[in-house]
N, C-alpha and C. Protein backbone atom coordinates (compact mmCIF):
# COMPACT_ATOMS: atom_id res chain seq x y z
N MET A 1 -139.66 108.62 119.49
CA MET A 1 -138.36 109.18 119.70
C MET A 1 -138.28 110.52 118.99
N SER A 2 -137.09 111.01 118.82
CA SER A 2 -136.95 112.33 118.21
C SER A 2 -136.55 112.21 116.74
N GLU A 3 -136.94 113.18 115.96
CA GLU A 3 -136.58 113.21 114.54
C GLU A 3 -135.19 113.82 114.40
N THR A 4 -134.53 113.50 113.30
CA THR A 4 -133.19 114.06 113.09
C THR A 4 -133.31 115.53 112.72
N PRO A 5 -132.40 116.34 113.21
CA PRO A 5 -132.44 117.76 112.87
C PRO A 5 -132.19 117.97 111.38
N PRO A 6 -132.65 119.10 110.83
CA PRO A 6 -132.49 119.37 109.40
C PRO A 6 -131.04 119.37 108.93
N ALA A 7 -130.11 119.76 109.77
CA ALA A 7 -128.70 119.77 109.38
C ALA A 7 -128.22 118.36 109.09
N ASP A 8 -128.69 117.39 109.89
CA ASP A 8 -128.30 115.99 109.65
C ASP A 8 -128.92 115.46 108.36
N ASP A 9 -130.16 115.89 108.04
CA ASP A 9 -130.79 115.45 106.79
C ASP A 9 -129.99 115.92 105.58
N ALA A 10 -129.52 117.15 105.63
CA ALA A 10 -128.74 117.69 104.52
C ALA A 10 -127.42 116.92 104.38
N ALA A 11 -126.80 116.58 105.51
CA ALA A 11 -125.55 115.83 105.47
C ALA A 11 -125.78 114.42 104.93
N LEU A 12 -126.90 113.80 105.33
CA LEU A 12 -127.21 112.46 104.84
C LEU A 12 -127.48 112.47 103.33
N LYS A 13 -128.21 113.50 102.88
CA LYS A 13 -128.48 113.61 101.44
C LYS A 13 -127.18 113.80 100.65
N ALA A 14 -126.28 114.61 101.18
CA ALA A 14 -125.00 114.83 100.51
C ALA A 14 -124.17 113.54 100.48
N LEU A 15 -124.22 112.78 101.59
CA LEU A 15 -123.49 111.52 101.65
C LEU A 15 -124.08 110.51 100.65
N LYS A 16 -125.41 110.44 100.60
CA LYS A 16 -126.06 109.54 99.64
C LYS A 16 -125.71 109.91 98.21
N ALA A 17 -125.66 111.18 97.92
CA ALA A 17 -125.31 111.64 96.57
C ALA A 17 -123.87 111.24 96.23
N ARG A 18 -122.96 111.38 97.18
CA ARG A 18 -121.57 110.98 96.95
C ARG A 18 -121.45 109.47 96.72
N ILE A 19 -122.21 108.70 97.51
CA ILE A 19 -122.19 107.23 97.35
C ILE A 19 -122.72 106.85 95.98
N GLN A 20 -123.83 107.45 95.57
CA GLN A 20 -124.40 107.17 94.24
C GLN A 20 -123.41 107.53 93.14
N GLU A 21 -122.73 108.65 93.30
CA GLU A 21 -121.76 109.09 92.31
C GLU A 21 -120.61 108.09 92.19
N GLN A 22 -120.11 107.61 93.33
CA GLN A 22 -119.02 106.63 93.31
C GLN A 22 -119.46 105.30 92.73
N GLN A 23 -120.65 104.84 93.06
CA GLN A 23 -121.15 103.58 92.51
C GLN A 23 -121.41 103.70 91.03
N GLY A 24 -121.85 104.83 90.58
CA GLY A 24 -122.10 105.04 89.15
C GLY A 24 -120.81 104.98 88.37
N ASP A 25 -119.71 105.54 88.90
CA ASP A 25 -118.42 105.51 88.21
C ASP A 25 -117.89 104.10 88.10
N GLY A 26 -118.06 103.30 89.14
CA GLY A 26 -117.58 101.92 89.11
C GLY A 26 -118.30 101.09 88.08
N ASN A 27 -119.59 101.29 87.92
CA ASN A 27 -120.35 100.53 86.95
C ASN A 27 -120.00 100.92 85.52
N LYS A 28 -119.68 102.19 85.29
CA LYS A 28 -119.32 102.64 83.94
C LYS A 28 -118.01 102.00 83.48
N GLU A 29 -117.07 101.81 84.40
CA GLU A 29 -115.79 101.23 84.03
C GLU A 29 -115.93 99.76 83.66
N LYS A 30 -116.82 99.05 84.32
CA LYS A 30 -116.96 97.61 84.10
C LYS A 30 -117.72 97.29 82.83
N LYS A 31 -118.66 98.12 82.44
CA LYS A 31 -119.48 97.84 81.28
C LYS A 31 -118.76 98.30 80.02
N THR A 32 -118.81 97.46 79.00
CA THR A 32 -118.28 97.84 77.70
C THR A 32 -119.42 97.80 76.71
N GLU A 33 -119.32 98.61 75.71
CA GLU A 33 -120.38 98.70 74.73
C GLU A 33 -120.45 97.44 73.89
N GLY A 34 -121.60 96.82 73.82
CA GLY A 34 -121.80 95.64 73.00
C GLY A 34 -121.21 94.36 73.57
N ALA A 35 -120.84 94.33 74.83
CA ALA A 35 -120.26 93.13 75.42
C ALA A 35 -121.35 92.09 75.65
N THR A 36 -121.05 90.84 75.26
CA THR A 36 -122.03 89.78 75.46
C THR A 36 -121.55 88.74 76.46
N PHE A 37 -120.28 88.71 76.77
CA PHE A 37 -119.73 87.75 77.71
C PHE A 37 -119.13 88.48 78.89
N SER A 38 -119.21 87.85 80.05
CA SER A 38 -118.48 88.40 81.17
C SER A 38 -117.00 88.08 80.98
N ASP A 39 -116.17 88.69 81.74
CA ASP A 39 -114.73 88.45 81.60
C ASP A 39 -114.38 86.99 81.89
N ALA A 40 -114.98 86.42 82.90
CA ALA A 40 -114.70 85.02 83.23
C ALA A 40 -115.21 84.10 82.14
N GLY A 41 -116.37 84.39 81.60
CA GLY A 41 -116.92 83.57 80.52
C GLY A 41 -116.05 83.60 79.29
N LEU A 42 -115.53 84.76 78.96
CA LEU A 42 -114.63 84.88 77.82
C LEU A 42 -113.34 84.11 78.07
N GLY A 43 -112.83 84.19 79.29
CA GLY A 43 -111.61 83.45 79.63
C GLY A 43 -111.81 81.95 79.54
N TYR A 44 -112.94 81.46 80.05
CA TYR A 44 -113.23 80.03 79.96
C TYR A 44 -113.41 79.59 78.51
N ARG A 45 -114.04 80.42 77.71
CA ARG A 45 -114.20 80.07 76.29
C ARG A 45 -112.85 79.93 75.61
N ILE A 46 -111.95 80.87 75.85
CA ILE A 46 -110.61 80.81 75.26
C ILE A 46 -109.89 79.56 75.74
N LEU A 47 -109.97 79.26 77.03
CA LEU A 47 -109.32 78.09 77.60
C LEU A 47 -109.83 76.80 76.96
N VAL A 48 -111.15 76.68 76.85
CA VAL A 48 -111.75 75.47 76.29
C VAL A 48 -111.37 75.32 74.82
N GLU A 49 -111.43 76.40 74.06
CA GLU A 49 -111.11 76.31 72.64
C GLU A 49 -109.66 75.91 72.42
N LEU A 50 -108.75 76.44 73.22
CA LEU A 50 -107.34 76.08 73.08
C LEU A 50 -107.11 74.62 73.48
N CYS A 51 -107.70 74.19 74.58
CA CYS A 51 -107.52 72.80 75.04
C CYS A 51 -108.14 71.80 74.06
N VAL A 52 -109.30 72.12 73.52
CA VAL A 52 -109.94 71.20 72.57
C VAL A 52 -109.12 71.07 71.31
N SER A 53 -108.59 72.16 70.80
CA SER A 53 -107.80 72.08 69.57
C SER A 53 -106.51 71.29 69.78
N VAL A 54 -105.85 71.48 70.91
CA VAL A 54 -104.65 70.70 71.18
C VAL A 54 -105.02 69.23 71.42
N GLY A 55 -106.09 68.98 72.14
CA GLY A 55 -106.54 67.61 72.39
C GLY A 55 -106.91 66.89 71.10
N LEU A 56 -107.56 67.60 70.20
CA LEU A 56 -107.90 67.01 68.91
C LEU A 56 -106.63 66.71 68.11
N GLY A 57 -105.65 67.59 68.19
CA GLY A 57 -104.37 67.35 67.53
C GLY A 57 -103.68 66.11 68.09
N VAL A 58 -103.72 65.92 69.40
CA VAL A 58 -103.13 64.74 70.03
C VAL A 58 -103.85 63.48 69.54
N PHE A 59 -105.17 63.52 69.52
CA PHE A 59 -105.95 62.36 69.09
C PHE A 59 -105.66 62.00 67.64
N ILE A 60 -105.70 62.97 66.77
CA ILE A 60 -105.42 62.70 65.36
C ILE A 60 -103.98 62.24 65.18
N GLY A 61 -103.04 62.85 65.89
CA GLY A 61 -101.64 62.45 65.79
C GLY A 61 -101.42 61.02 66.23
N LEU A 62 -102.06 60.61 67.31
CA LEU A 62 -101.92 59.22 67.77
C LEU A 62 -102.53 58.24 66.77
N GLN A 63 -103.65 58.61 66.17
CA GLN A 63 -104.27 57.74 65.18
C GLN A 63 -103.41 57.63 63.92
N VAL A 64 -102.82 58.73 63.50
CA VAL A 64 -101.92 58.69 62.33
C VAL A 64 -100.70 57.84 62.64
N ASP A 65 -100.13 58.00 63.82
CA ASP A 65 -98.97 57.18 64.21
C ASP A 65 -99.33 55.71 64.26
N LYS A 66 -100.47 55.39 64.74
CA LYS A 66 -100.92 54.00 64.84
C LYS A 66 -101.13 53.40 63.44
N TYR A 67 -101.72 54.16 62.54
CA TYR A 67 -102.04 53.67 61.21
C TYR A 67 -100.78 53.51 60.34
N PHE A 68 -99.90 54.52 60.38
CA PHE A 68 -98.70 54.50 59.53
C PHE A 68 -97.45 53.99 60.25
N ALA A 69 -97.55 53.67 61.52
CA ALA A 69 -96.43 53.17 62.32
C ALA A 69 -95.25 54.14 62.31
N THR A 70 -95.53 55.39 62.49
CA THR A 70 -94.50 56.43 62.58
C THR A 70 -94.62 57.05 63.97
N LYS A 71 -94.11 56.34 64.96
CA LYS A 71 -94.43 56.60 66.36
C LYS A 71 -94.48 58.08 66.78
N PRO A 72 -93.43 58.85 66.85
CA PRO A 72 -93.63 60.18 67.42
C PRO A 72 -93.96 61.28 66.42
N PHE A 73 -93.74 61.03 65.13
CA PHE A 73 -93.79 62.14 64.17
C PHE A 73 -95.22 62.65 63.92
N GLY A 74 -96.17 61.77 63.78
CA GLY A 74 -97.56 62.20 63.58
C GLY A 74 -98.07 62.98 64.78
N LEU A 75 -97.74 62.50 65.97
CA LEU A 75 -98.16 63.18 67.19
C LEU A 75 -97.57 64.58 67.27
N ILE A 76 -96.29 64.70 66.99
CA ILE A 76 -95.62 66.01 67.06
C ILE A 76 -96.23 66.97 66.05
N ILE A 77 -96.42 66.50 64.81
CA ILE A 77 -96.94 67.37 63.76
C ILE A 77 -98.35 67.83 64.08
N PHE A 78 -99.21 66.89 64.49
CA PHE A 78 -100.60 67.27 64.73
C PHE A 78 -100.79 68.03 66.03
N VAL A 79 -99.95 67.85 67.02
CA VAL A 79 -100.03 68.68 68.22
C VAL A 79 -99.67 70.12 67.86
N LEU A 80 -98.65 70.29 67.05
CA LEU A 80 -98.27 71.65 66.62
C LEU A 80 -99.37 72.29 65.77
N LEU A 81 -99.98 71.50 64.87
CA LEU A 81 -101.08 72.03 64.07
C LEU A 81 -102.28 72.39 64.96
N GLY A 82 -102.59 71.55 65.94
CA GLY A 82 -103.68 71.84 66.86
C GLY A 82 -103.40 73.07 67.69
N PHE A 83 -102.16 73.22 68.13
CA PHE A 83 -101.78 74.40 68.91
C PHE A 83 -101.91 75.66 68.05
N GLY A 84 -101.45 75.57 66.80
CA GLY A 84 -101.57 76.72 65.89
C GLY A 84 -103.02 77.10 65.65
N ALA A 85 -103.87 76.09 65.44
CA ALA A 85 -105.29 76.36 65.24
C ALA A 85 -105.90 76.97 66.50
N GLY A 86 -105.48 76.50 67.66
CA GLY A 86 -105.99 77.05 68.92
C GLY A 86 -105.58 78.50 69.11
N ILE A 87 -104.34 78.82 68.77
CA ILE A 87 -103.86 80.20 68.89
C ILE A 87 -104.62 81.11 67.93
N MET A 88 -104.87 80.63 66.70
CA MET A 88 -105.65 81.44 65.76
C MET A 88 -107.05 81.71 66.31
N THR A 89 -107.64 80.72 66.92
CA THR A 89 -108.98 80.89 67.50
C THR A 89 -108.94 81.85 68.68
N VAL A 90 -107.92 81.74 69.51
CA VAL A 90 -107.78 82.65 70.65
C VAL A 90 -107.63 84.08 70.18
N ILE A 91 -106.82 84.29 69.15
CA ILE A 91 -106.64 85.65 68.62
C ILE A 91 -107.96 86.18 68.08
N ARG A 92 -108.70 85.34 67.36
CA ARG A 92 -109.97 85.76 66.79
C ARG A 92 -110.97 86.11 67.89
N VAL A 93 -111.04 85.30 68.92
CA VAL A 93 -111.99 85.55 70.02
C VAL A 93 -111.57 86.80 70.80
N ALA A 94 -110.29 86.92 71.09
CA ALA A 94 -109.82 88.06 71.88
C ALA A 94 -109.99 89.38 71.13
N ALA A 95 -109.84 89.34 69.82
CA ALA A 95 -110.00 90.55 69.02
C ALA A 95 -111.45 90.87 68.76
N GLY A 96 -112.33 89.92 69.07
CA GLY A 96 -113.75 90.14 68.83
C GLY A 96 -114.11 90.05 67.37
N ALA A 97 -113.33 89.32 66.60
CA ALA A 97 -113.58 89.22 65.17
C ALA A 97 -114.79 88.33 64.89
N ASP A 98 -115.51 88.69 63.89
CA ASP A 98 -116.65 87.91 63.43
C ASP A 98 -116.12 86.68 62.69
N PRO A 99 -116.75 85.50 62.79
CA PRO A 99 -116.25 84.33 62.08
C PRO A 99 -116.21 84.52 60.56
N ASP A 100 -117.01 85.45 60.03
CA ASP A 100 -117.01 85.70 58.59
C ASP A 100 -115.85 86.57 58.15
N LYS A 101 -115.09 87.11 59.08
CA LYS A 101 -113.96 87.99 58.76
C LYS A 101 -112.68 87.42 59.34
N GLY A 102 -111.64 88.18 59.18
CA GLY A 102 -110.39 87.89 59.87
C GLY A 102 -109.64 86.71 59.32
N LEU A 103 -109.26 85.79 60.20
CA LEU A 103 -108.39 84.69 59.82
C LEU A 103 -109.11 83.56 59.10
N SER A 104 -110.43 83.59 59.08
CA SER A 104 -111.16 82.45 58.54
C SER A 104 -111.34 82.48 57.04
N LYS A 105 -111.24 83.63 56.40
CA LYS A 105 -111.44 83.71 54.96
C LYS A 105 -110.28 84.46 54.31
N PRO A 106 -109.90 84.05 53.11
CA PRO A 106 -108.84 84.77 52.41
C PRO A 106 -109.25 86.21 52.11
N ARG A 107 -108.27 87.06 52.01
CA ARG A 107 -108.50 88.49 51.79
C ARG A 107 -109.20 88.74 50.45
N ALA A 108 -108.89 87.96 49.43
CA ALA A 108 -109.51 88.16 48.12
C ALA A 108 -111.02 87.96 48.19
N LEU A 109 -111.47 86.98 48.97
CA LEU A 109 -112.91 86.76 49.11
C LEU A 109 -113.58 87.89 49.86
N GLN A 110 -112.89 88.42 50.86
CA GLN A 110 -113.45 89.54 51.61
C GLN A 110 -113.59 90.77 50.72
N GLU A 111 -112.56 91.04 49.91
CA GLU A 111 -112.61 92.20 49.03
C GLU A 111 -113.68 92.02 47.96
N LYS A 112 -113.84 90.80 47.48
CA LYS A 112 -114.85 90.53 46.47
C LYS A 112 -116.25 90.79 47.02
N LYS A 113 -116.50 90.43 48.28
CA LYS A 113 -117.79 90.69 48.89
C LYS A 113 -118.04 92.19 49.05
N GLN A 114 -116.97 92.94 49.32
CA GLN A 114 -117.13 94.37 49.59
C GLN A 114 -117.38 95.18 48.32
N ARG A 115 -116.86 94.69 47.20
CA ARG A 115 -117.05 95.40 45.94
C ARG A 115 -118.52 95.36 45.53
N VAL A 116 -118.96 96.47 44.96
CA VAL A 116 -120.33 96.54 44.45
C VAL A 116 -120.26 96.53 42.94
N GLU A 117 -120.96 95.59 42.33
CA GLU A 117 -120.97 95.48 40.88
C GLU A 117 -121.95 96.51 40.31
N PRO A 118 -121.50 97.35 39.35
CA PRO A 118 -122.43 98.31 38.73
C PRO A 118 -123.40 97.59 37.80
N ASP A 119 -124.65 98.07 37.77
CA ASP A 119 -125.66 97.45 36.91
C ASP A 119 -125.67 98.05 35.53
């Protein structure tokens, strides 16, 4: 058959360059520096951590109610404690905090680690 004329080759090259440029911009927006989880993976992790903490609060609350015969009060208290623990975990995960920092250790211990003792 016939080959494409040179004018069409130049137009195709220009089109390919534009496509590459557009695809390159899309990839830059999606990638974040140092990201280890995909967005869905991070969402599932937050969901599981919140559900497990509330579920554990329900379990402990029911066991406390059963042992001390205080029907709704242990459940209410431990569900609230589990929810609070889940929210703290969600905040830590969403902020990208290291488990050694943030909400897990008191500020005095963090400052003590940061200080350098002179010899």
